[in-house]
């Protein structure tokens, strides 16, 4: 019986949760769920100068927002430093590691010599078999691994295929620094072993690390986990995704009004495919996901495609659920706190009633707020220049008569209101649009909106008539 699958996501808390890191976490989570296993979260906070609590909070918050749930307690790498040192000492005692007393000047000379001669190997191994009794005074040693000197190191990568390195090109890597702190390479291997990680799914910028980490596994006599190195995400121009391409952090996508389910769906298709299917529920993702279907080529981030996908999710989300998503996102959206301050039961009811027309025209939650401006506006509402041009004296006279008629409309419904507006248009010898356009301008302050009769129903009789009469008063003052 095979051992249960255990994956891990291991970010460094030196900034926000990068969109590429979010995809890596998603792939780890999906693979674990697909195989009935577990995904663990490890915060690699050994860089004490750059690691911050704010970054840790951003990572945890970003994962939670995306709906990526890890198993068990969060593991902090720095807290395990004593265990890392213990393994280094164990390797030293077994003769599979050694103390190196090379000075900074000697190391710099070695690096320069290697560059001059075109050698990949930077350290010349001068303390590998040297008697420690020859150690110079005043030099605190590092502990280095005795890496194999000949042959090759190979991994069968689940994405990249078989990858090999010539051992003559690989250094005796440092396990413990001279101040006794463990290096990233050692800490990662020890943690993955102790956490019983079976599959290491990470970006292919870590591919070379797999060779060096395999040497540590072998030196300890530990089983090497399966590796899956996934290509990085590139921008639309084919270059590595960077700040110049736009948003990088998951928090930025929340602030731009994307739904977590839509972003999750978009990320899963960046480098992974399942036939021609583009839209996946979470259950479908889990059922279909396997690392064998991750491509070797870098995926390009297409912001227009993400926006289109988000629009699809918004249109297919139940109105009440979308309103709840909007309300939950308000603290992160531009002008969101101002909207949140206005939200009361009557306004929520109006937004819910308006939602069918609003979501059909929106691709993000910000679009939804923009579209809902006519609901959120307070009298007298602001009128933009294009709408103001429609409110001619003739139009205002028509609106005044229409407002009188609206006072008597029963029931206040789309059908009854349309019938009333059509009758007034016919009486005035006008087409429906010639009445509907200034009516829209008076009710919304804009020239575009959801259907005008839907707008009337959402606003209600009192608010609608009040806004129409406001324009007559503005004209009178002018």
Protein backbone atom coordinates (compact mmCIF):
# COMPACT_ATOMS: atom_id res chain seq x y z
CA UNK A 1 0.00 0.00 0.00
CA UNK A 2 1.48 3.37 -1.06
CA UNK A 3 2.07 6.07 1.55
CA UNK A 4 -0.48 8.90 1.70
CA UNK A 5 0.31 11.95 -0.42
CA UNK A 6 1.64 14.95 1.51
CA UNK A 7 2.37 18.23 -0.27
CA UNK A 8 3.45 21.56 1.16
CA UNK A 9 3.43 25.21 0.26
CA UNK A 10 6.47 26.95 1.69
CA UNK A 11 6.53 30.72 1.06
CA UNK A 12 9.10 33.16 2.40
CA UNK A 13 7.39 36.00 4.30
CA UNK A 14 9.33 38.86 2.74
CA UNK A 15 6.38 40.50 0.94
CA UNK A 16 2.86 39.90 -0.35
CA UNK A 17 1.54 36.55 -1.60
CA UNK A 18 2.75 36.64 -5.22
CA UNK A 19 0.28 35.52 -7.86
CA UNK A 20 2.79 32.85 -8.91
CA UNK A 21 3.03 31.64 -5.33
CA UNK A 22 -0.76 31.50 -5.16
CA UNK A 23 -0.79 29.23 -8.21
CA UNK A 24 1.87 27.00 -6.64
CA UNK A 25 -0.22 26.76 -3.46
CA UNK A 26 -3.30 25.94 -5.56
CA UNK A 27 -1.50 23.16 -7.44
CA UNK A 28 -0.24 21.67 -4.17
CA UNK A 29 -3.71 21.88 -2.64
CA UNK A 30 -5.45 20.36 -5.66
CA UNK A 31 -2.97 17.51 -5.98
CA UNK A 32 -3.30 16.64 -2.29
CA UNK A 33 -7.10 16.76 -2.45
CA UNK A 34 -7.19 14.78 -5.69
CA UNK A 35 -5.08 12.01 -4.13
CA UNK A 36 -6.88 12.01 -0.79
CA UNK A 37 -3.82 13.42 0.92
CA UNK A 38 -2.90 16.53 2.90
CA UNK A 39 -1.32 19.89 2.12
CA UNK A 40 0.82 21.51 4.79
CA UNK A 41 1.84 25.15 5.11
CA UNK A 42 5.36 26.06 6.14
CA UNK A 43 6.50 29.66 6.53
CA UNK A 44 10.19 29.82 5.61
CA UNK A 45 11.12 32.67 7.91
CA UNK A 46 14.80 31.94 8.42
CA UNK A 47 15.78 35.28 6.82
CA UNK A 48 15.14 37.24 9.99
CA UNK A 49 16.03 40.62 8.50
CA UNK A 50 13.53 40.40 5.62
CA UNK A 51 10.78 38.28 7.20
CA UNK A 52 7.93 40.33 8.66
CA UNK A 53 4.73 39.59 10.53
CA UNK A 54 2.83 41.75 8.04
CA UNK A 55 4.02 39.50 5.21
CA UNK A 56 3.04 36.37 7.15
CA UNK A 57 -0.42 37.84 7.72
CA UNK A 58 -0.71 38.70 4.01
CA UNK A 59 0.16 35.13 3.02
CA UNK A 60 -2.33 33.56 5.42
CA UNK A 61 -5.03 36.04 4.47
CA UNK A 62 -4.41 35.61 0.74
CA UNK A 63 -4.62 31.82 0.91
CA UNK A 64 -7.79 31.96 2.99
CA UNK A 65 -9.40 34.45 0.60
CA UNK A 66 -8.61 32.18 -2.34
CA UNK A 67 -10.23 29.26 -0.54
CA UNK A 68 -7.00 27.28 -0.20
CA UNK A 69 -7.20 25.49 3.13
CA UNK A 70 -4.09 23.84 4.52
CA UNK A 71 -4.10 20.92 6.94
CA UNK A 72 -2.85 21.11 10.51
CA UNK A 73 -1.01 23.95 12.19
CA UNK A 74 1.15 26.38 10.27
CA UNK A 75 4.82 25.41 10.62
CA UNK A 76 7.48 28.10 11.08
CA UNK A 77 10.91 27.14 9.84
CA UNK A 78 12.92 29.39 12.12
CA UNK A 79 11.44 27.67 15.18
CA UNK A 80 13.04 24.42 13.98
CA UNK A 81 16.59 25.77 13.76
CA UNK A 82 17.83 23.50 16.56
CA UNK A 83 16.61 20.43 14.64
CA UNK A 84 18.42 21.67 11.53
CA UNK A 85 21.67 22.07 13.48
CA UNK A 86 21.22 18.60 14.93
CA UNK A 87 21.15 17.08 11.43
CA UNK A 88 24.25 19.03 10.39
CA UNK A 89 26.11 17.74 13.44
CA UNK A 90 24.91 14.22 12.66
CA UNK A 91 26.35 14.45 9.14
CA UNK A 92 29.59 15.83 10.58
CA UNK A 93 29.88 12.96 13.04
CA UNK A 94 29.23 10.42 10.27
CA UNK A 95 31.99 11.86 8.09
CA UNK A 96 29.54 13.06 5.47
CA UNK A 97 30.15 16.72 6.24
CA UNK A 98 33.19 18.73 7.30
CA UNK A 99 34.25 22.03 8.83
CA UNK A 100 35.52 24.57 6.34
CA UNK A 101 37.79 27.37 7.57
CA UNK A 102 38.19 29.21 4.27
CA UNK A 103 38.28 32.96 4.85
CA UNK A 104 36.04 35.40 2.98
CA UNK A 105 39.07 36.50 0.99
CA UNK A 106 39.89 32.92 -0.01
CA UNK A 107 36.26 32.29 -1.06
CA UNK A 108 36.24 35.46 -3.15
CA UNK A 109 39.46 34.34 -4.83
CA UNK A 110 37.94 30.90 -5.56
CA UNK A 111 34.84 32.47 -7.12
CA UNK A 112 36.93 34.77 -9.28
CA UNK A 113 39.13 31.89 -10.40
CA UNK A 114 36.09 29.77 -11.28
CA UNK A 115 34.57 32.62 -13.30
CA UNK A 116 37.85 33.22 -15.08
CA UNK A 117 38.16 29.54 -16.02
CA UNK A 118 34.47 29.12 -16.86
CA UNK A 119 33.83 26.53 -14.13
CA UNK A 120 30.39 26.09 -12.57
CA UNK A 121 31.91 24.82 -9.34
CA UNK A 122 32.95 27.78 -7.19
CA UNK A 123 34.39 26.11 -4.07
CA UNK A 124 37.59 24.09 -4.56
CA UNK A 125 37.09 21.70 -1.62
CA UNK A 126 40.34 22.67 0.11
CA UNK A 127 39.06 21.74 3.59
CA UNK A 128 37.22 18.60 2.50
CA UNK A 129 39.92 16.14 3.60
CA UNK A 130 42.22 18.47 5.48
CA UNK A 131 43.17 17.89 9.11
CA UNK A 132 41.07 20.22 11.32
CA UNK A 133 44.18 20.62 13.44
CA UNK A 134 45.46 22.92 10.69
CA UNK A 135 42.56 25.28 11.28
CA UNK A 136 43.69 28.91 11.41
CA UNK A 137 43.12 30.87 14.59
CA UNK A 138 40.26 33.32 14.71
CA UNK A 139 38.21 31.77 11.91
CA UNK A 140 34.78 30.39 12.75
CA UNK A 141 34.11 27.49 10.36
CA UNK A 142 31.05 26.70 8.32
CA UNK A 143 29.89 23.10 7.96
CA UNK A 144 29.81 21.83 4.38
CA UNK A 145 28.29 18.69 2.92
CA UNK A 146 30.63 16.18 1.31
CA UNK A 147 28.87 16.05 -2.05
CA UNK A 148 29.72 13.26 -4.51
CA UNK A 149 32.70 14.21 -6.69
CA UNK A 150 31.95 12.16 -9.80
CA UNK A 151 29.01 10.57 -11.58
CA UNK A 152 25.72 12.37 -11.92
CA UNK A 153 22.68 13.29 -9.87
CA UNK A 154 19.32 12.70 -11.53
CA UNK A 155 15.68 13.26 -10.68
CA UNK A 156 12.59 12.03 -12.49
CA UNK A 157 10.64 15.27 -12.39
CA UNK A 158 6.89 14.86 -12.77
CA UNK A 159 6.73 17.92 -15.01
CA UNK A 160 10.20 18.36 -16.52
CA UNK A 161 10.97 14.67 -17.04
CA UNK A 162 14.41 13.27 -16.30
CA UNK A 163 16.87 15.99 -15.30
CA UNK A 164 20.57 15.25 -14.67
CA UNK A 165 23.52 17.19 -13.28
CA UNK A 166 27.19 16.29 -13.40
CA UNK A 167 28.42 16.05 -9.83
CA UNK A 168 31.76 17.58 -10.77
CA UNK A 169 29.85 20.86 -11.33
CA UNK A 170 28.16 20.90 -7.91
CA UNK A 171 29.73 22.47 -4.83
CA UNK A 172 30.05 21.10 -1.34
CA UNK A 173 27.17 23.25 -0.16
CA UNK A 174 27.15 25.00 3.20
CA UNK A 175 24.82 23.41 5.78
CA UNK A 176 25.58 25.61 8.79
CA UNK A 177 26.94 29.15 8.57
CA UNK A 178 29.81 30.26 10.77
CA UNK A 179 27.34 31.80 13.26
CA UNK A 180 25.62 28.42 13.61
CA UNK A 181 22.49 29.30 11.63
CA UNK A 182 21.26 26.66 9.17
CA UNK A 183 21.10 27.43 5.46
CA UNK A 184 17.96 27.31 3.34
CA UNK A 185 19.10 24.10 1.61
CA UNK A 186 19.49 22.19 4.86
CA UNK A 187 16.35 23.56 6.50
CA UNK A 188 14.14 22.69 3.52
CA UNK A 189 15.33 19.09 3.36
CA UNK A 190 15.06 18.49 7.10
CA UNK A 191 11.61 20.05 7.26
CA UNK A 192 10.30 18.16 4.22
CA UNK A 193 11.59 14.90 5.68
CA UNK A 194 10.20 15.50 9.15
CA UNK A 195 6.85 16.62 7.70
CA UNK A 196 6.74 13.40 5.64
CA UNK A 197 6.35 15.37 2.41
CA UNK A 198 5.98 12.98 -0.51
CA UNK A 199 5.64 15.49 -3.37
CA UNK A 200 7.50 18.80 -3.71
CA UNK A 201 5.57 20.93 -6.20
CA UNK A 202 7.24 24.30 -6.74
CA UNK A 203 8.45 26.78 -9.37
CA UNK A 204 11.12 25.67 -11.81
CA UNK A 205 13.41 28.41 -10.51
CA UNK A 206 14.10 25.83 -7.76
CA UNK A 207 15.09 23.08 -10.21
CA UNK A 208 18.83 23.32 -9.55
CA UNK A 209 18.11 23.18 -5.81
CA UNK A 210 16.68 19.69 -6.34
CA UNK A 211 20.16 18.32 -7.15
CA UNK A 212 21.76 19.85 -4.06
CA UNK A 213 18.88 18.81 -1.84
CA UNK A 214 19.03 15.25 -3.21
CA UNK A 215 22.64 15.10 -1.99
CA UNK A 216 21.47 15.90 1.56
CA UNK A 217 18.71 13.30 1.39
CA UNK A 218 21.22 10.70 0.21
CA UNK A 219 23.77 11.63 2.86
CA UNK A 220 21.13 11.15 5.56
CA UNK A 221 19.83 7.93 4.02
CA UNK A 222 16.38 9.45 3.63
CA UNK A 223 13.88 8.83 0.84
CA UNK A 224 13.84 11.59 -1.75
CA UNK A 225 10.35 13.01 -2.41
CA UNK A 226 8.90 13.21 -5.90
CA UNK A 227 9.64 16.58 -7.53
CA UNK A 228 7.38 18.58 -9.83
CA UNK A 229 8.92 21.84 -10.98
CA UNK A 230 6.31 24.02 -12.66
CA UNK A 231 7.17 26.78 -15.16
CA UNK A 232 6.97 30.36 -13.97
CA UNK A 233 4.23 32.75 -15.05
CA UNK A 234 5.14 35.25 -17.73
CA UNK A 235 3.50 38.52 -18.70
CA UNK A 236 1.59 39.01 -21.97
CA UNK A 237 4.87 39.95 -23.68
CA UNK A 238 6.52 36.64 -22.76
CA UNK A 239 8.86 38.14 -20.14
CA UNK A 240 8.84 36.95 -16.53
CA UNK A 241 5.87 38.47 -14.71
CA UNK A 242 7.02 41.65 -12.98
CA UNK A 243 5.69 44.92 -11.60
CA UNK A 244 5.67 46.51 -15.03
CA UNK A 245 3.01 44.02 -16.13
CA UNK A 246 0.62 45.13 -13.38
CA UNK A 247 -0.58 43.56 -10.17
CA UNK A 248 1.61 40.89 -8.60
CA UNK A 249 0.06 40.24 -5.19
CA UNK A 250 -3.15 38.37 -4.51
CA UNK A 251 -4.27 41.29 -2.34
CA UNK A 252 -4.17 43.55 -5.39
CA UNK A 253 -6.59 41.30 -7.28
CA UNK A 254 -9.02 41.43 -4.38
CA UNK A 255 -8.72 45.24 -4.44
CA UNK A 256 -9.46 45.21 -8.18
CA UNK A 257 -12.75 43.48 -7.55
CA UNK A 258 -12.08 39.91 -8.65
CA UNK A 259 -13.97 37.03 -7.10
CA UNK A 260 -11.77 34.39 -5.42
CA UNK A 261 -13.49 31.55 -7.30
CA UNK A 262 -12.79 33.27 -10.63
CA UNK A 263 -9.14 33.93 -9.81
CA UNK A 264 -8.75 30.34 -8.62
CA UNK A 265 -10.27 29.07 -11.89
CA UNK A 266 -7.99 31.35 -13.90
CA UNK A 267 -4.86 30.29 -12.03
CA UNK A 268 -5.54 26.56 -12.43
CA UNK A 269 -5.57 27.00 -16.21
CA UNK A 270 -2.21 28.80 -16.18
CA UNK A 271 -0.04 25.90 -17.23
CA UNK A 272 -2.50 23.05 -16.56
CA UNK A 273 -5.19 21.78 -18.89
CA UNK A 274 -7.99 19.26 -19.01
CA UNK A 275 -9.00 18.99 -22.62
CA UNK A 276 -10.66 22.20 -23.81
CA UNK A 277 -12.52 22.84 -20.56
CA UNK A 278 -12.09 26.41 -19.28
CA UNK A 279 -14.66 26.72 -16.48
CA UNK A 280 -14.16 24.49 -13.43
CA UNK A 281 -15.99 24.21 -10.17
CA UNK A 282 -13.76 23.38 -7.21
CA UNK A 283 -15.04 19.81 -7.26
CA UNK A 284 -14.24 19.49 -10.98
CA UNK A 285 -10.73 20.86 -10.43
CA UNK A 286 -10.03 18.32 -7.71
CA UNK A 287 -11.42 15.42 -9.73
CA UNK A 288 -9.44 16.30 -12.86
CA UNK A 289 -6.15 17.61 -11.46
CA UNK A 290 -2.88 15.77 -11.92
CA UNK A 291 0.63 17.16 -12.21
CA UNK A 292 1.22 15.07 -15.34
CA UNK A 293 -1.00 17.54 -17.23
CA UNK A 294 1.10 20.57 -16.29
CA UNK A 295 2.97 21.84 -19.34
CA UNK A 296 6.69 22.57 -19.46
CA UNK A 297 6.31 25.96 -21.12
CA UNK A 298 5.74 29.17 -19.21
CA UNK A 299 2.11 30.33 -19.10
CA UNK A 300 1.27 33.89 -20.07
CA UNK A 301 -0.89 35.97 -17.78
CA UNK A 302 -3.74 37.49 -19.79
CA UNK A 303 -5.53 40.21 -17.81
CA UNK A 304 -8.33 40.51 -20.39
CA UNK A 305 -9.04 36.79 -20.10
CA UNK A 306 -9.14 37.00 -16.30
CA UNK A 307 -11.57 39.90 -16.51
CA UNK A 308 -13.81 38.01 -18.92
CA UNK A 309 -13.76 34.94 -16.69
CA UNK A 310 -14.59 37.05 -13.66
CA UNK A 311 -17.55 38.51 -15.53
CA UNK A 312 -18.76 34.97 -16.23
CA UNK A 313 -18.57 34.09 -12.55
CA UNK A 314 -20.42 37.26 -11.56
CA UNK A 315 -23.24 36.63 -14.02
CA UNK A 316 -23.59 33.07 -12.78
CA UNK A 317 -23.50 33.89 -9.08
CA UNK A 318 -26.83 34.10 -7.27
CA UNK A 319 -27.85 37.71 -6.59
CA UNK A 320 -27.83 37.41 -2.80
CA UNK A 321 -24.48 35.60 -2.86
CA UNK A 322 -22.97 38.28 -5.11
CA UNK A 323 -24.26 41.03 -2.84
CA UNK A 324 -22.66 39.26 0.12
CA UNK A 325 -19.38 38.98 -1.83
CA UNK A 326 -19.54 42.67 -2.65
CA UNK A 327 -20.18 43.62 0.96
CA UNK A 328 -17.32 41.42 2.15
CA UNK A 329 -14.95 43.03 -0.37
CA UNK A 330 -15.86 46.66 0.39
CA UNK A 331 -13.01 47.22 2.89
CA UNK A 332 -10.53 46.44 0.09
CA UNK A 333 -12.15 48.25 -2.86
CA UNK A 334 -11.63 51.89 -3.87
CA UNK A 335 -14.37 53.95 -2.17
CA UNK A 336 -15.61 50.69 -0.62
CA UNK A 337 -15.55 51.96 2.97
CA UNK A 338 -17.77 54.91 1.94
CA UNK A 339 -20.28 52.50 0.40
CA UNK A 340 -20.12 50.27 3.49
CA UNK A 341 -20.95 53.25 5.70
CA UNK A 342 -24.18 53.82 3.74
CA UNK A 343 -25.33 50.21 3.75
CA UNK A 344 -28.51 49.69 5.70
CA UNK A 345 -31.40 47.28 5.22
CA UNK A 346 -33.33 49.44 2.69
CA UNK A 347 -30.20 50.07 0.59
CA UNK A 348 -29.30 46.38 0.65
CA UNK A 349 -32.80 45.59 -0.56
CA UNK A 350 -32.43 48.07 -3.44
CA UNK A 351 -29.02 46.67 -4.42
CA UNK A 352 -30.40 43.14 -4.35
CA UNK A 353 -33.31 44.18 -6.56
CA UNK A 354 -30.88 45.91 -8.96
CA UNK A 355 -28.42 43.02 -9.05
CA UNK A 356 -29.76 41.19 -12.15
CA UNK A 357 -29.27 44.30 -14.29
CA UNK A 358 -26.02 45.32 -12.63
CA UNK A 359 -24.15 42.03 -12.88
CA UNK A 360 -24.92 41.59 -16.56
CA UNK A 361 -22.96 44.75 -17.29
CA UNK A 362 -20.08 44.20 -14.83
CA UNK A 363 -16.80 42.30 -15.05
CA UNK A 364 -15.53 43.16 -11.57
CA UNK A 365 -16.97 44.19 -8.23
CA UNK A 366 -15.68 47.70 -8.93
CA UNK A 367 -17.81 47.72 -12.09
CA UNK A 368 -20.70 46.62 -9.90
CA UNK A 369 -20.24 49.61 -7.58
CA UNK A 370 -19.91 51.93 -10.56
CA UNK A 371 -23.08 50.53 -12.07
CA UNK A 372 -24.87 50.83 -8.76
CA UNK A 373 -24.05 54.53 -8.44
CA UNK A 374 -27.68 55.43 -9.23
CA UNK A 375 -28.80 53.32 -6.25
CA UNK A 376 -26.16 54.74 -3.92
CA UNK A 377 -26.58 58.38 -4.96
CA UNK A 378 -28.33 60.82 -2.63
CA UNK A 379 -30.63 63.62 -3.81
CA UNK A 380 -30.02 65.81 -5.55
CA UNK A 381 -27.97 63.35 -7.55
CA UNK A 382 -24.92 64.50 -9.58
CA UNK A 383 -25.55 64.71 -13.33
CA UNK A 384 -22.66 64.22 -15.74
CA UNK A 385 -22.25 66.46 -18.80
CA UNK A 386 -23.63 63.98 -21.32
CA UNK A 387 -26.73 63.40 -19.22
CA UNK A 388 -27.13 67.14 -18.59
CA UNK A 389 -27.28 67.72 -22.35
CA UNK A 390 -30.38 65.50 -22.53
CA UNK A 391 -32.25 67.51 -19.90
CA UNK A 392 -33.46 70.27 -22.21
CA UNK A 393 -36.35 72.56 -21.16
CA UNK A 394 -38.66 70.45 -23.31
CA UNK A 395 -37.44 67.27 -21.65
CA UNK A 396 -37.90 68.78 -18.19
CA UNK A 397 -41.50 69.73 -19.03
CA UNK A 398 -42.10 66.17 -20.17
CA UNK A 399 -40.52 64.77 -17.01
CA UNK A 400 -42.75 66.96 -14.83
CA UNK A 401 -45.87 65.57 -16.52
CA UNK A 402 -44.49 62.04 -16.28
CA UNK A 403 -43.77 62.52 -12.58
CA UNK A 404 -47.41 63.48 -12.03
CA UNK A 405 -48.48 60.32 -13.84
CA UNK A 406 -46.09 58.16 -11.83
CA UNK A 407 -47.77 59.33 -8.61
CA UNK A 408 -50.83 57.36 -9.67
CA UNK A 409 -49.23 54.23 -11.22
CA UNK A 410 -50.45 51.00 -9.63
CA UNK A 411 -48.84 48.58 -9.23
CA UNK A 412 -45.29 49.99 -9.27
CA UNK A 413 -44.04 47.38 -11.71
CA UNK A 414 -41.99 47.19 -14.90
CA UNK A 415 -45.09 46.46 -16.97
CA UNK A 416 -47.24 49.29 -15.54
CA UNK A 417 -44.41 51.81 -15.76
CA UNK A 418 -43.57 50.91 -19.35
CA UNK A 419 -47.21 51.29 -20.32
CA UNK A 420 -47.32 54.75 -18.71
CA UNK A 421 -44.12 55.95 -20.41
CA UNK A 422 -45.22 54.66 -23.81
CA UNK A 423 -48.57 56.44 -23.49
CA UNK A 424 -46.83 59.74 -22.68
CA UNK A 425 -44.45 59.30 -25.60
CA UNK A 426 -47.35 58.75 -27.99
CA UNK A 427 -49.25 61.75 -26.62
CA UNK A 428 -46.18 63.91 -27.20
CA UNK A 429 -45.56 62.43 -30.66
CA UNK A 430 -42.20 61.05 -29.55
CA UNK A 431 -40.47 57.71 -29.82
CA UNK A 432 -39.97 55.73 -26.59
CA UNK A 433 -36.24 56.44 -26.60
CA UNK A 434 -36.82 60.21 -26.73
CA UNK A 435 -38.60 59.92 -23.38
CA UNK A 436 -36.49 57.16 -21.87
CA UNK A 437 -33.16 58.98 -22.43
CA UNK A 438 -33.94 62.13 -20.41
CA UNK A 439 -35.72 59.96 -17.85
CA UNK A 440 -32.54 57.91 -17.45
CA UNK A 441 -30.51 61.09 -17.13
CA UNK A 442 -32.78 62.39 -14.37
CA UNK A 443 -32.87 59.09 -12.47
CA UNK A 444 -29.22 58.01 -12.75
CA UNK A 445 -27.25 61.12 -13.75
CA UNK A 446 -25.77 59.15 -16.66
CA UNK A 447 -26.62 58.13 -20.20
CA UNK A 448 -26.17 54.41 -19.58
CA UNK A 449 -27.72 52.20 -16.93
CA UNK A 450 -29.65 48.98 -16.53
CA UNK A 451 -33.08 48.96 -18.16
CA UNK A 452 -34.90 52.19 -17.32
CA UNK A 453 -38.02 50.45 -16.05
CA UNK A 454 -35.87 48.22 -13.83
CA UNK A 455 -34.21 51.38 -12.50
CA UNK A 456 -37.62 52.85 -11.64
CA UNK A 457 -38.69 49.70 -9.81
CA UNK A 458 -35.42 49.52 -7.86
CA UNK A 459 -35.54 53.16 -6.79
CA UNK A 460 -39.21 53.04 -5.86
CA UNK A 461 -41.93 55.62 -6.43
CA UNK A 462 -40.88 58.24 -3.88
CA UNK A 463 -37.19 58.33 -4.87
CA UNK A 464 -37.92 58.20 -8.62
CA UNK A 465 -40.48 61.00 -8.58
CA UNK A 466 -38.28 63.05 -6.27
CA UNK A 467 -35.30 62.81 -8.61
CA UNK A 468 -37.46 63.77 -11.60
CA UNK A 469 -38.86 66.82 -9.80
CA UNK A 470 -35.34 67.79 -8.65
CA UNK A 471 -34.41 68.40 -12.28
CA UNK A 472 -37.40 70.72 -12.72
CA UNK A 473 -36.31 72.69 -9.66
CA UNK A 474 -32.73 72.88 -10.95
CA UNK A 475 -34.08 74.27 -14.24
CA UNK A 476 -36.22 76.81 -12.39
CA UNK A 477 -33.22 78.04 -10.38
CA UNK A 478 -31.09 78.22 -13.52
